[in-house]
């Protein structure tokens, strides 16, 4: 982009960017909710200060971690703005979390404070005795009096921020300071909290601006959850940085996708996983080409979906990309140059990337499958560490490269093509799921002796997985009962679709479960399918 100030890393602090854009754009609408609520740049800046002053009054200090357990909404945005302005760290919590998933995030992040949607309070209460650090709960929405009784927590209404002044606070925050913690799937252990400096989250937005050519004239349609980096930073923060308008939907709806895009004059949107597959499964209608959408960012970018997006919706640019919460988005395809199936080429201004042999760490020849490794060119333009997991931080870095655990090839022109995941991770409905955490929950059922969770390829286009658990029983139980137990104790996206009971699990001489063999077997005659049997 021509604006050199975009690349001055000393200005890459969220609160400062918000103030700058409030002064520049004033009462111009920044965020438009599809339910009719809207927020101007100036109002966003003022609310940021009000929430910050409220937090200071609650004894929040710079560097404190504050969990945010709120769905896509203006209140989620207010929480983000205020936390950033006070110099605290926003811990983004998946709204489907409950039980051990929720306990792990809150304990690992050592959050003393949580901002929570009223309807999720019961989930906090259910794990209250396991929470080691949580002290204060800020409730968004109406709360029953019963939630404040017989509890170790102090409850406050989030709306109380409105009583505070919008006179700017003066807490110094640097681009080097941590801004956010987002939890990414564990493979052989619990989920890891990615500590993201202000420079890192800014680069998510700047990558969108530079590579997808976002301008202040664009309207970005956002349906992905804000508790993930794509929705929160690649899309919403990008619109703030460049001064564009964001149209935010509380929850993705395949049936409303093209209607919203047409109604709100959206010009850009991002997809993830099977989102676009669900959109393409809708019955074609006369709005499919009566809109202003010029670009879609997709990950992954299967050849057939790329073609269908261009043909059905007349979209000029389908941007393939690759990234992780840890490493930002180092790969993008280029505007005006279709590259179906590719994640793109390296964003060389800020990142280096190689495809290496996962054993030797030496680069492999072109068009050879290897592991994607990445490193930043700018300090703090990457994750700083895994929250309170130093051993995992060290494990991810080897020979001065971050090892992603993902397999890919790179052609002679430098275009990268994603192949598969090397790590034992399951991806379903846009979520990375830890097999370890599924196994921990299922293994707690008194009828289960051993369990292994593996990925089974989904029949839905988009290159994603379904969850299968292979179980050794110590007591008799039926498939339906075990599935109902999973629905009670696992997030919706992590509930296994497939269940198989076996006499024993295949193991190595050192007693490790050979999940590669289970994945190869996939669906067998003994596999039970909860969707086939009508259990949601």
Protein backbone atom coordinates (compact mmCIF):
# COMPACT_ATOMS: atom_id res chain seq x y z
CA UNK A 1 0.00 0.00 0.00
CA UNK A 2 1.12 3.55 -0.55
CA UNK A 3 0.53 4.70 3.04
CA UNK A 4 3.93 4.37 4.73
CA UNK A 5 2.40 4.90 8.17
CA UNK A 6 0.82 1.45 7.89
CA UNK A 7 4.32 -0.01 8.19
CA UNK A 8 5.55 2.03 11.17
CA UNK A 9 5.66 -0.73 13.78
CA UNK A 10 5.85 1.81 16.62
CA UNK A 11 2.18 2.63 15.90
CA UNK A 12 1.02 -0.99 15.92
CA UNK A 13 -0.92 -0.75 19.19
CA UNK A 14 -4.63 -1.42 19.04
CA UNK A 15 -5.72 1.43 21.31
CA UNK A 16 -3.61 3.92 19.39
CA UNK A 17 -4.96 2.71 16.03
CA UNK A 18 -8.51 3.07 17.36
CA UNK A 19 -7.91 6.64 18.56
CA UNK A 20 -6.24 7.62 15.29
CA UNK A 21 -9.15 6.31 13.22
CA UNK A 22 -11.73 7.87 15.55
CA UNK A 23 -10.09 11.25 14.97
CA UNK A 24 -9.95 10.65 11.22
CA UNK A 25 -13.41 9.16 10.56
CA UNK A 26 -15.48 10.45 13.49
CA UNK A 27 -19.14 9.44 13.27
CA UNK A 28 -18.72 7.31 10.17
CA UNK A 29 -20.03 3.78 10.77
CA UNK A 30 -17.31 1.24 11.44
CA UNK A 31 -19.26 -1.85 12.59
CA UNK A 32 -22.75 -2.69 11.37
CA UNK A 33 -24.48 -5.65 13.02
CA UNK A 34 -26.95 -7.51 10.81
CA UNK A 35 -29.57 -7.04 13.56
CA UNK A 36 -29.49 -3.29 12.97
CA UNK A 37 -27.10 -2.08 15.70
CA UNK A 38 -24.13 -0.04 14.54
CA UNK A 39 -21.01 1.58 15.96
CA UNK A 40 -19.05 4.58 14.72
CA UNK A 41 -15.29 4.98 14.92
CA UNK A 42 -15.66 7.80 17.47
CA UNK A 43 -18.13 5.89 19.64
CA UNK A 44 -15.87 2.82 19.63
CA UNK A 45 -12.97 4.93 20.92
CA UNK A 46 -15.09 6.47 23.67
CA UNK A 47 -16.47 3.11 24.80
CA UNK A 48 -12.94 1.69 24.89
CA UNK A 49 -12.02 4.29 27.49
CA UNK A 50 -15.21 3.77 29.48
CA UNK A 51 -14.63 0.02 29.68
CA UNK A 52 -10.97 0.59 30.54
CA UNK A 53 -11.91 2.91 33.43
CA UNK A 54 -14.44 0.33 34.66
CA UNK A 55 -11.74 -2.34 34.61
CA UNK A 56 -9.28 -0.12 36.45
CA UNK A 57 -11.93 0.41 39.12
CA UNK A 58 -12.16 -3.38 39.43
CA UNK A 59 -8.39 -3.47 40.07
CA UNK A 60 -7.37 -4.70 36.63
CA UNK A 61 -3.74 -3.89 35.94
CA UNK A 62 -1.64 -3.81 32.79
CA UNK A 63 -0.62 -7.37 31.90
CA UNK A 64 -3.57 -9.06 33.63
CA UNK A 65 -5.35 -11.75 31.64
CA UNK A 66 -9.10 -11.27 31.13
CA UNK A 67 -11.14 -14.10 29.63
CA UNK A 68 -13.87 -13.12 27.14
CA UNK A 69 -16.67 -15.68 26.80
CA UNK A 70 -19.07 -13.75 24.55
CA UNK A 71 -20.50 -14.50 21.07
CA UNK A 72 -20.11 -12.20 18.06
CA UNK A 73 -21.72 -8.94 19.16
CA UNK A 74 -20.95 -5.31 19.87
CA UNK A 75 -20.41 -6.31 23.51
CA UNK A 76 -17.59 -8.62 22.42
CA UNK A 77 -16.05 -5.65 20.63
CA UNK A 78 -16.46 -3.38 23.66
CA UNK A 79 -14.68 -5.96 25.82
CA UNK A 80 -11.79 -6.17 23.33
CA UNK A 81 -11.47 -2.40 23.08
CA UNK A 82 -11.42 -1.80 26.83
CA UNK A 83 -9.03 -4.63 27.62
CA UNK A 84 -6.59 -3.34 25.00
CA UNK A 85 -6.78 0.23 26.28
CA UNK A 86 -6.00 -0.75 29.86
CA UNK A 87 -3.00 -2.78 28.65
CA UNK A 88 -4.46 -6.09 29.79
CA UNK A 89 -4.47 -9.34 27.79
CA UNK A 90 -7.62 -10.55 26.05
CA UNK A 91 -8.09 -14.31 26.46
CA UNK A 92 -10.47 -15.35 23.67
CA UNK A 93 -12.67 -18.26 24.79
CA UNK A 94 -14.53 -20.43 22.30
CA UNK A 95 -18.24 -20.05 23.08
CA UNK A 96 -18.78 -23.81 22.71
CA UNK A 97 -16.34 -24.61 25.51
CA UNK A 98 -17.52 -26.29 28.68
CA UNK A 99 -16.22 -28.81 31.21
CA UNK A 100 -12.52 -29.65 31.00
CA UNK A 101 -12.07 -27.55 27.84
CA UNK A 102 -13.25 -24.43 29.67
CA UNK A 103 -11.41 -25.28 32.89
CA UNK A 104 -8.12 -25.71 31.06
CA UNK A 105 -8.32 -22.35 29.28
CA UNK A 106 -9.23 -20.41 32.42
CA UNK A 107 -6.61 -22.10 34.60
CA UNK A 108 -3.82 -22.08 32.03
CA UNK A 109 -4.33 -18.38 31.30
CA UNK A 110 -4.58 -17.66 35.06
CA UNK A 111 -7.44 -15.30 34.37
CA UNK A 112 -8.75 -13.58 37.50
CA UNK A 113 -11.48 -11.87 35.45
CA UNK A 114 -13.97 -13.13 32.91
CA UNK A 115 -16.49 -11.28 30.76
CA UNK A 116 -19.27 -13.76 30.06
CA UNK A 117 -22.61 -13.83 28.26
CA UNK A 118 -25.35 -14.40 30.83
CA UNK A 119 -26.56 -17.58 29.12
CA UNK A 120 -23.10 -19.18 29.61
CA UNK A 121 -22.96 -18.59 33.37
CA UNK A 122 -24.13 -22.10 34.17
CA UNK A 123 -21.02 -23.46 32.45
CA UNK A 124 -18.84 -21.39 34.76
CA UNK A 125 -20.78 -22.61 37.78
CA UNK A 126 -20.41 -26.24 36.69
CA UNK A 127 -16.61 -26.07 36.88
CA UNK A 128 -16.34 -23.52 39.69
CA UNK A 129 -14.53 -25.87 42.09
CA UNK A 130 -11.85 -26.59 39.47
CA UNK A 131 -11.07 -22.93 38.72
CA UNK A 132 -7.85 -21.93 40.47
CA UNK A 133 -7.57 -18.21 39.68
CA UNK A 134 -10.94 -16.76 38.65
CA UNK A 135 -12.26 -14.12 41.06
CA UNK A 136 -14.50 -11.61 39.26
CA UNK A 137 -17.25 -12.25 36.71
CA UNK A 138 -18.57 -9.45 34.48
CA UNK A 139 -21.93 -10.51 33.06
CA UNK A 140 -23.22 -9.37 29.68
CA UNK A 141 -27.02 -9.35 29.69
CA UNK A 142 -29.62 -10.08 32.34
CA UNK A 143 -28.49 -12.25 35.24
CA UNK A 144 -30.54 -14.18 37.77
CA UNK A 145 -29.94 -13.44 41.44
CA UNK A 146 -29.21 -17.12 42.04
CA UNK A 147 -25.89 -16.79 40.20
CA UNK A 148 -24.51 -14.58 42.93
CA UNK A 149 -25.40 -16.94 45.78
CA UNK A 150 -23.15 -19.64 47.22
CA UNK A 151 -20.21 -18.84 44.96
CA UNK A 152 -16.56 -17.93 45.30
CA UNK A 153 -16.86 -15.21 42.65
CA UNK A 154 -17.76 -11.53 42.75
CA UNK A 155 -20.36 -10.67 40.09
CA UNK A 156 -20.65 -7.36 38.21
CA UNK A 157 -22.81 -6.19 35.32
CA UNK A 158 -20.78 -5.41 32.23
CA UNK A 159 -23.20 -2.59 31.38
CA UNK A 160 -21.88 -0.69 34.39
CA UNK A 161 -19.11 0.58 32.12
CA UNK A 162 -21.62 3.20 30.94
CA UNK A 163 -21.29 5.03 34.28
CA UNK A 164 -17.64 5.85 33.59
CA UNK A 165 -16.01 8.81 31.88
CA UNK A 166 -14.72 8.59 28.33
CA UNK A 167 -11.79 10.86 29.15
CA UNK A 168 -8.72 9.13 27.69
CA UNK A 169 -6.58 7.02 30.02
CA UNK A 170 -2.78 7.30 29.79
CA UNK A 171 -1.60 3.72 30.29
CA UNK A 172 1.43 3.22 27.99
CA UNK A 173 1.19 0.18 25.70
CA UNK A 174 3.86 -0.96 23.23
CA UNK A 175 3.69 -3.04 20.06
CA UNK A 176 5.87 -5.48 21.99
CA UNK A 177 3.30 -6.02 24.75
CA UNK A 178 1.00 -9.06 24.67
CA UNK A 179 -2.48 -8.20 23.38
CA UNK A 180 -4.29 -11.50 23.21
CA UNK A 181 -4.16 -15.20 24.01
CA UNK A 182 -5.93 -17.61 21.67
CA UNK A 183 -6.06 -21.35 22.29
CA UNK A 184 -5.07 -23.68 19.52
CA UNK A 185 -5.45 -27.42 19.41
CA UNK A 186 -3.21 -29.68 21.40
CA UNK A 187 -2.21 -32.96 19.76
CA UNK A 188 -0.59 -35.07 22.45
CA UNK A 189 -1.66 -32.74 25.25
CA UNK A 190 -4.04 -29.94 26.22
CA UNK A 191 -4.71 -26.94 24.00
CA UNK A 192 -1.95 -24.34 23.96
CA UNK A 193 -2.52 -20.64 24.58
CA UNK A 194 -0.80 -18.58 21.88
CA UNK A 195 0.47 -15.31 23.36
CA UNK A 196 0.06 -12.68 20.65
CA UNK A 197 1.86 -9.29 20.86
CA UNK A 198 0.23 -6.14 19.50
CA UNK A 199 2.53 -6.24 16.45
CA UNK A 200 1.42 -9.79 15.70
CA UNK A 201 -2.31 -9.04 15.75
CA UNK A 202 -1.73 -5.90 13.65
CA UNK A 203 0.07 -7.94 10.99
CA UNK A 204 -2.97 -10.21 10.64
CA UNK A 205 -4.93 -7.13 9.59
CA UNK A 206 -2.17 -5.60 7.51
CA UNK A 207 -1.79 -8.87 5.60
CA UNK A 208 -5.42 -8.67 4.56
CA UNK A 209 -5.03 -5.03 3.54
CA UNK A 210 -1.88 -5.51 1.48
CA UNK A 211 -2.63 -8.85 -0.13
CA UNK A 212 -6.40 -8.57 -0.63
CA UNK A 213 -6.05 -4.86 -1.50
CA UNK A 214 -8.50 -3.64 1.10
CA UNK A 215 -9.35 0.08 1.05
CA UNK A 216 -11.54 2.41 3.09
CA UNK A 217 -14.20 2.04 0.39
CA UNK A 218 -14.61 -1.69 1.06
CA UNK A 219 -17.33 -3.36 3.14
CA UNK A 220 -16.14 -6.54 4.89
CA UNK A 221 -18.80 -9.16 5.66
CA UNK A 222 -17.74 -11.11 8.78
CA UNK A 223 -19.42 -14.38 9.75
CA UNK A 224 -16.50 -16.18 11.40
CA UNK A 225 -16.28 -16.13 15.23
CA UNK A 226 -14.34 -13.28 16.79
CA UNK A 227 -12.68 -15.66 19.25
CA UNK A 228 -10.54 -16.84 16.31
CA UNK A 229 -7.81 -14.79 14.64
CA UNK A 230 -9.49 -14.80 11.23
CA UNK A 231 -12.64 -13.03 12.37
CA UNK A 232 -11.09 -10.81 15.02
CA UNK A 233 -7.83 -9.72 13.40
CA UNK A 234 -7.72 -10.65 9.71
CA UNK A 235 -11.16 -9.13 9.17
CA UNK A 236 -12.41 -6.78 11.90
CA UNK A 237 -9.02 -5.31 12.86
CA UNK A 238 -8.16 -4.95 9.17
CA UNK A 239 -11.22 -2.75 8.66
CA UNK A 240 -10.15 -0.54 11.55
CA UNK A 241 -6.58 -0.18 10.28
CA UNK A 242 -7.67 0.89 6.80
CA UNK A 243 -10.93 2.67 7.72
CA UNK A 244 -13.32 0.25 5.97
CA UNK A 245 -16.79 -0.75 7.13
CA UNK A 246 -17.40 -4.12 8.82
CA UNK A 247 -20.72 -5.95 8.64
CA UNK A 248 -20.82 -8.44 11.51
CA UNK A 249 -23.19 -11.40 11.84
CA UNK A 250 -23.70 -12.99 15.24
CA UNK A 251 -23.59 -16.50 13.81
CA UNK A 252 -22.92 -17.89 10.34
CA UNK A 253 -26.00 -18.72 8.29
CA UNK A 254 -25.51 -20.42 4.93
CA UNK A 255 -29.06 -19.48 3.94
CA UNK A 256 -28.51 -15.77 4.67
CA UNK A 257 -24.96 -15.50 3.28
CA UNK A 258 -25.68 -14.14 -0.19
CA UNK A 259 -28.71 -12.17 1.07
CA UNK A 260 -26.56 -10.32 3.63
CA UNK A 261 -23.83 -9.67 1.09
CA UNK A 262 -26.34 -8.14 -1.32
CA UNK A 263 -28.26 -6.19 1.33
CA UNK A 264 -25.19 -4.60 2.93
CA UNK A 265 -23.20 -4.04 -0.30
CA UNK A 266 -20.35 -6.23 0.95
CA UNK A 267 -17.26 -6.24 -1.24
CA UNK A 268 -15.00 -8.66 0.66
CA UNK A 269 -15.46 -11.67 2.93
CA UNK A 270 -13.41 -14.55 4.33
CA UNK A 271 -14.29 -18.19 4.63
CA UNK A 272 -12.77 -21.03 6.60
CA UNK A 273 -13.08 -24.77 6.15
CA UNK A 274 -16.55 -25.88 5.08
CA UNK A 275 -18.25 -22.46 5.31
CA UNK A 276 -18.19 -22.00 1.54
CA UNK A 277 -19.16 -25.63 0.96
CA UNK A 278 -22.32 -24.99 2.98
CA UNK A 279 -22.96 -21.79 1.01
CA UNK A 280 -22.60 -23.61 -2.31
CA UNK A 281 -25.05 -26.28 -1.15
CA UNK A 282 -27.81 -23.66 -1.05
CA UNK A 283 -30.32 -23.50 -3.90
CA UNK A 284 -29.13 -20.93 -6.49
CA UNK A 285 -31.14 -17.70 -6.60
CA UNK A 286 -31.21 -14.41 -8.45
CA UNK A 287 -28.95 -12.71 -5.87
CA UNK A 288 -26.00 -14.95 -6.72
CA UNK A 289 -24.63 -12.35 -9.12
CA UNK A 290 -26.55 -9.27 -8.01
CA UNK A 291 -24.05 -7.99 -5.45
CA UNK A 292 -20.80 -6.08 -5.12
CA UNK A 293 -18.60 -8.89 -3.75
CA UNK A 294 -15.20 -8.67 -5.43
CA UNK A 295 -13.04 -10.95 -3.26
CA UNK A 296 -13.24 -13.98 -0.98
CA UNK A 297 -10.39 -15.24 1.19
CA UNK A 298 -10.49 -19.02 1.61
CA UNK A 299 -8.51 -21.58 3.55
CA UNK A 300 -8.16 -24.21 2.29
CA UNK A 301 -8.64 -23.43 -1.39
CA UNK A 302 -9.71 -26.65 -3.17
CA UNK A 303 -9.65 -26.40 -6.94
CA UNK A 304 -13.33 -27.27 -7.36
CA UNK A 305 -14.52 -24.70 -4.79
CA UNK A 306 -12.36 -21.98 -6.33
CA UNK A 307 -13.99 -22.56 -9.71
CA UNK A 308 -17.51 -22.71 -8.31
CA UNK A 309 -17.11 -19.44 -6.42
CA UNK A 310 -16.01 -17.63 -9.55
CA UNK A 311 -18.67 -19.19 -11.77
CA UNK A 312 -21.67 -19.06 -9.45
CA UNK A 313 -21.06 -15.73 -7.73
CA UNK A 314 -18.96 -13.95 -10.35
CA UNK A 315 -16.27 -13.11 -7.80
CA UNK A 316 -13.17 -11.63 -9.40
CA UNK A 317 -10.60 -12.76 -6.84
CA UNK A 318 -10.54 -15.92 -4.73
CA UNK A 319 -7.58 -15.57 -2.38
CA UNK A 320 -5.97 -18.76 -1.15
CA UNK A 321 -3.96 -18.35 2.04
CA UNK A 322 -2.23 -20.26 4.80
CA UNK A 323 -1.49 -19.45 8.39
CA UNK A 324 -1.76 -20.34 12.04
CA UNK A 325 -2.55 -18.41 15.18
CA UNK A 326 1.13 -18.80 16.06
CA UNK A 327 2.71 -17.67 12.77
CA UNK A 328 0.20 -15.19 11.30
CA UNK A 329 -0.67 -15.51 7.58
CA UNK A 330 2.63 -15.82 5.70
CA UNK A 331 1.08 -17.09 2.44
CA UNK A 332 -1.40 -15.41 0.08
CA UNK A 333 -2.28 -15.82 -3.56
CA UNK A 334 -2.20 -12.69 -5.70
CA UNK A 335 -4.97 -10.39 -6.93
CA UNK A 336 -5.84 -10.92 -10.57
CA UNK A 337 -3.84 -14.15 -10.84
CA UNK A 338 -6.02 -17.21 -10.17
CA UNK A 339 -4.15 -20.07 -8.54
CA UNK A 340 -6.77 -22.72 -7.65
CA UNK A 341 -5.62 -25.16 -5.00
CA UNK A 342 -2.71 -23.01 -3.82
CA UNK A 343 -2.17 -21.26 -0.48
CA UNK A 344 -0.13 -18.65 -2.32
CA UNK A 345 3.42 -17.34 -2.06
CA UNK A 346 5.31 -15.95 0.90
CA UNK A 347 4.51 -12.43 2.08
CA UNK A 348 8.20 -11.64 1.89
CA UNK A 349 8.10 -8.24 3.53
CA UNK A 350 7.52 -9.82 6.94
CA UNK A 351 8.03 -13.60 6.75
CA UNK A 352 10.30 -16.39 5.59
CA UNK A 353 8.94 -19.85 4.81
CA UNK A 354 10.44 -23.15 3.68
CA UNK A 355 9.28 -26.70 2.99
CA UNK A 356 11.67 -29.05 4.78
CA UNK A 357 12.18 -32.71 5.48
CA UNK A 358 10.53 -33.20 8.90
CA UNK A 359 13.38 -35.43 10.04
CA UNK A 360 16.46 -33.54 8.83
CA UNK A 361 14.99 -29.99 8.65
CA UNK A 362 16.76 -29.56 5.29
CA UNK A 363 14.81 -27.95 2.43
CA UNK A 364 13.24 -30.42 0.00
CA UNK A 365 13.28 -30.04 -3.81
CA UNK A 366 10.37 -28.32 -5.56
CA UNK A 367 7.10 -30.27 -5.72
CA UNK A 368 8.23 -32.56 -2.89
CA UNK A 369 6.09 -33.03 0.21
CA UNK A 370 7.65 -31.70 3.40
CA UNK A 371 6.82 -29.73 6.53
CA UNK A 372 6.00 -26.01 6.46
CA UNK A 373 8.38 -24.03 8.66
CA UNK A 374 8.11 -20.27 9.19
CA UNK A 375 9.95 -17.40 10.90
CA UNK A 376 9.29 -13.64 11.13
CA UNK A 377 11.49 -10.87 9.79
CA UNK A 378 10.18 -8.35 12.33
CA UNK A 379 10.50 -8.74 16.10
CA UNK A 380 7.15 -9.38 17.84
CA UNK A 381 5.47 -10.09 14.50
CA UNK A 382 4.94 -13.67 15.65
CA UNK A 383 3.63 -15.37 18.75
CA UNK A 384 5.90 -14.74 21.73
CA UNK A 385 5.26 -18.05 23.52
CA UNK A 386 2.71 -20.63 24.53
CA UNK A 387 1.03 -19.42 27.71
CA UNK A 388 2.65 -21.08 30.74
CA UNK A 389 3.93 -23.95 28.59
CA UNK A 390 7.65 -23.21 28.05
CA UNK A 391 8.38 -26.79 27.04
CA UNK A 392 5.83 -26.54 24.20
CA UNK A 393 7.35 -23.25 23.05
CA UNK A 394 10.78 -24.86 22.83
CA UNK A 395 9.35 -27.93 21.11
CA UNK A 396 7.80 -25.83 18.34
CA UNK A 397 11.08 -24.05 17.55
CA UNK A 398 13.98 -26.01 16.07
CA UNK A 399 16.96 -24.83 14.07
CA UNK A 400 15.63 -21.24 14.23
CA UNK A 401 12.34 -22.14 12.49
CA UNK A 402 8.82 -22.57 13.84
CA UNK A 403 7.62 -26.04 12.86
CA UNK A 404 3.94 -25.95 11.91
CA UNK A 405 3.34 -29.69 11.73
CA UNK A 406 1.63 -29.19 8.35
CA UNK A 407 2.67 -30.93 5.14
CA UNK A 408 2.82 -29.12 1.80
CA UNK A 409 4.69 -28.79 -1.48
CA UNK A 410 6.19 -25.70 -3.14
CA UNK A 411 6.48 -25.38 -6.91
CA UNK A 412 9.26 -23.71 -8.91
CA UNK A 413 7.45 -20.34 -8.79
CA UNK A 414 7.20 -20.42 -5.00
CA UNK A 415 3.49 -21.28 -4.80
CA UNK A 416 2.66 -23.54 -1.87
CA UNK A 417 0.07 -26.34 -1.93
CA UNK A 418 -1.25 -27.69 1.38
CA UNK A 419 -1.27 -31.49 1.57
CA UNK A 420 -2.27 -32.64 5.05
CA UNK A 421 -1.57 -32.28 8.76
CA UNK A 422 1.46 -34.02 10.14
CA UNK A 423 0.36 -33.49 13.72
CA UNK A 424 -2.40 -35.59 15.22
CA UNK A 425 -5.09 -32.94 14.99
CA UNK A 426 -8.69 -33.10 13.88
CA UNK A 427 -10.31 -30.20 12.01
CA UNK A 428 -14.10 -30.00 11.98
CA UNK A 429 -16.45 -27.13 11.06
CA UNK A 430 -13.60 -24.61 11.13
CA UNK A 431 -12.33 -25.76 14.54
CA UNK A 432 -9.02 -27.42 15.37
CA UNK A 433 -9.85 -30.12 17.90
CA UNK A 434 -7.42 -31.75 20.28
CA UNK A 435 -7.72 -35.52 20.15
CA UNK A 436 -6.15 -35.55 23.61
CA UNK A 437 -9.00 -33.52 25.09
CA UNK A 438 -11.67 -35.67 23.46
CA UNK A 439 -9.93 -38.77 24.79
CA UNK A 440 -9.70 -37.28 28.26
CA UNK A 441 -13.45 -36.64 28.40
CA UNK A 442 -14.54 -39.95 26.86
CA UNK A 443 -12.02 -41.82 29.01
CA UNK A 444 -13.68 -40.49 32.16
CA UNK A 445 -16.85 -42.49 31.45
CA UNK A 446 -16.91 -45.45 33.85
CA UNK A 447 -17.62 -47.89 31.00
CA UNK A 448 -14.52 -46.88 29.01
CA UNK A 449 -11.18 -48.60 29.50
CA UNK A 450 -9.25 -47.00 26.61
CA UNK A 451 -10.07 -44.59 23.82
CA UNK A 452 -8.42 -43.09 20.74
CA UNK A 453 -9.84 -40.15 18.81
CA UNK A 454 -8.95 -39.84 15.13
CA UNK A 455 -9.95 -37.87 12.05
CA UNK A 456 -12.12 -39.39 9.35
CA UNK A 457 -12.44 -37.48 6.10
CA UNK A 458 -15.79 -35.76 5.75
CA UNK A 459 -18.01 -36.31 2.73
CA UNK A 460 -18.63 -32.53 2.76
CA UNK A 461 -16.43 -30.65 0.32
CA UNK A 462 -13.79 -28.47 1.91
CA UNK A 463 -11.15 -30.91 3.01
CA UNK A 464 -12.27 -31.22 6.62
CA UNK A 465 -12.75 -34.08 9.05
CA UNK A 466 -15.32 -35.86 11.14
CA UNK A 467 -14.44 -37.12 14.61
CA UNK A 468 -14.24 -40.83 15.33
CA UNK A 469 -13.54 -42.46 18.69
CA UNK A 470 -12.35 -46.03 18.92
CA UNK A 471 -13.20 -47.40 22.35
CA UNK A 472 -12.20 -50.39 24.46
CA UNK A 473 -14.96 -51.05 27.01
CA UNK A 474 -14.67 -52.34 30.54
CA UNK A 475 -18.46 -52.33 31.07
CA UNK A 476 -21.32 -52.78 28.66
CA UNK A 477 -22.73 -49.58 27.14
CA UNK A 478 -24.46 -48.77 23.87
CA UNK A 479 -23.42 -46.26 21.23
CA UNK A 480 -26.31 -43.90 21.94
CA UNK A 481 -25.58 -43.66 25.67
CA UNK A 482 -21.91 -42.89 25.09
CA UNK A 483 -22.80 -40.25 22.49
CA UNK A 484 -25.26 -38.58 24.86
CA UNK A 485 -22.49 -38.46 27.48
CA UNK A 486 -20.21 -36.77 24.92
CA UNK A 487 -22.91 -34.21 24.10
CA UNK A 488 -23.13 -33.31 27.79
CA UNK A 489 -19.38 -32.90 28.31
CA UNK A 490 -17.86 -31.83 25.00
CA UNK A 491 -18.27 -28.71 22.84
CA UNK A 492 -20.72 -29.33 20.03
CA UNK A 493 -18.01 -29.34 17.35
CA UNK A 494 -15.99 -31.99 19.26
CA UNK A 495 -18.78 -34.55 19.76
CA UNK A 496 -17.77 -37.67 17.80
CA UNK A 497 -19.86 -38.53 14.80
CA UNK A 498 -18.46 -42.05 14.60
CA UNK A 499 -17.98 -44.56 17.42
CA UNK A 500 -16.47 -48.04 17.22
CA UNK A 501 -16.05 -50.57 20.04
CA UNK A 502 -12.99 -52.84 19.77
CA UNK A 503 -11.31 -55.50 21.88
CA UNK A 504 -7.96 -53.65 21.89
CA UNK A 505 -6.16 -50.70 20.31
CA UNK A 506 -3.13 -51.24 18.05
CA UNK A 507 0.06 -50.20 19.84
CA UNK A 508 3.79 -49.87 19.27
CA UNK A 509 6.39 -51.85 21.27
CA UNK A 510 6.62 -48.82 23.58
CA UNK A 511 2.85 -48.99 24.19
CA UNK A 512 1.89 -45.92 22.11
CA UNK A 513 -1.41 -46.14 20.24
CA UNK A 514 -0.87 -46.44 16.48
CA UNK A 515 -3.39 -43.86 15.37
CA UNK A 516 -2.13 -44.04 11.81
CA UNK A 517 -3.58 -47.55 11.61
CA UNK A 518 -6.92 -46.38 13.01
CA UNK A 519 -7.05 -43.52 10.51
CA UNK A 520 -6.33 -45.91 7.65
CA UNK A 521 -9.21 -48.16 8.72
CA UNK A 522 -11.54 -45.13 8.81
CA UNK A 523 -15.14 -46.41 8.59
CA UNK A 524 -15.53 -50.15 9.13
CA UNK A 525 -18.63 -52.38 9.25
CA UNK A 526 -18.49 -52.04 13.04
CA UNK A 527 -18.51 -48.22 13.01
CA UNK A 528 -21.65 -46.52 14.35
CA UNK A 529 -22.69 -43.20 12.74
CA UNK A 530 -24.78 -40.93 14.99
CA UNK A 531 -26.01 -38.85 12.04
CA UNK A 532 -27.22 -41.95 10.21
CA UNK A 533 -29.05 -43.03 13.35
CA UNK A 534 -30.71 -39.66 13.81
CA UNK A 535 -28.90 -38.29 16.86
CA UNK A 536 -27.96 -34.61 16.40
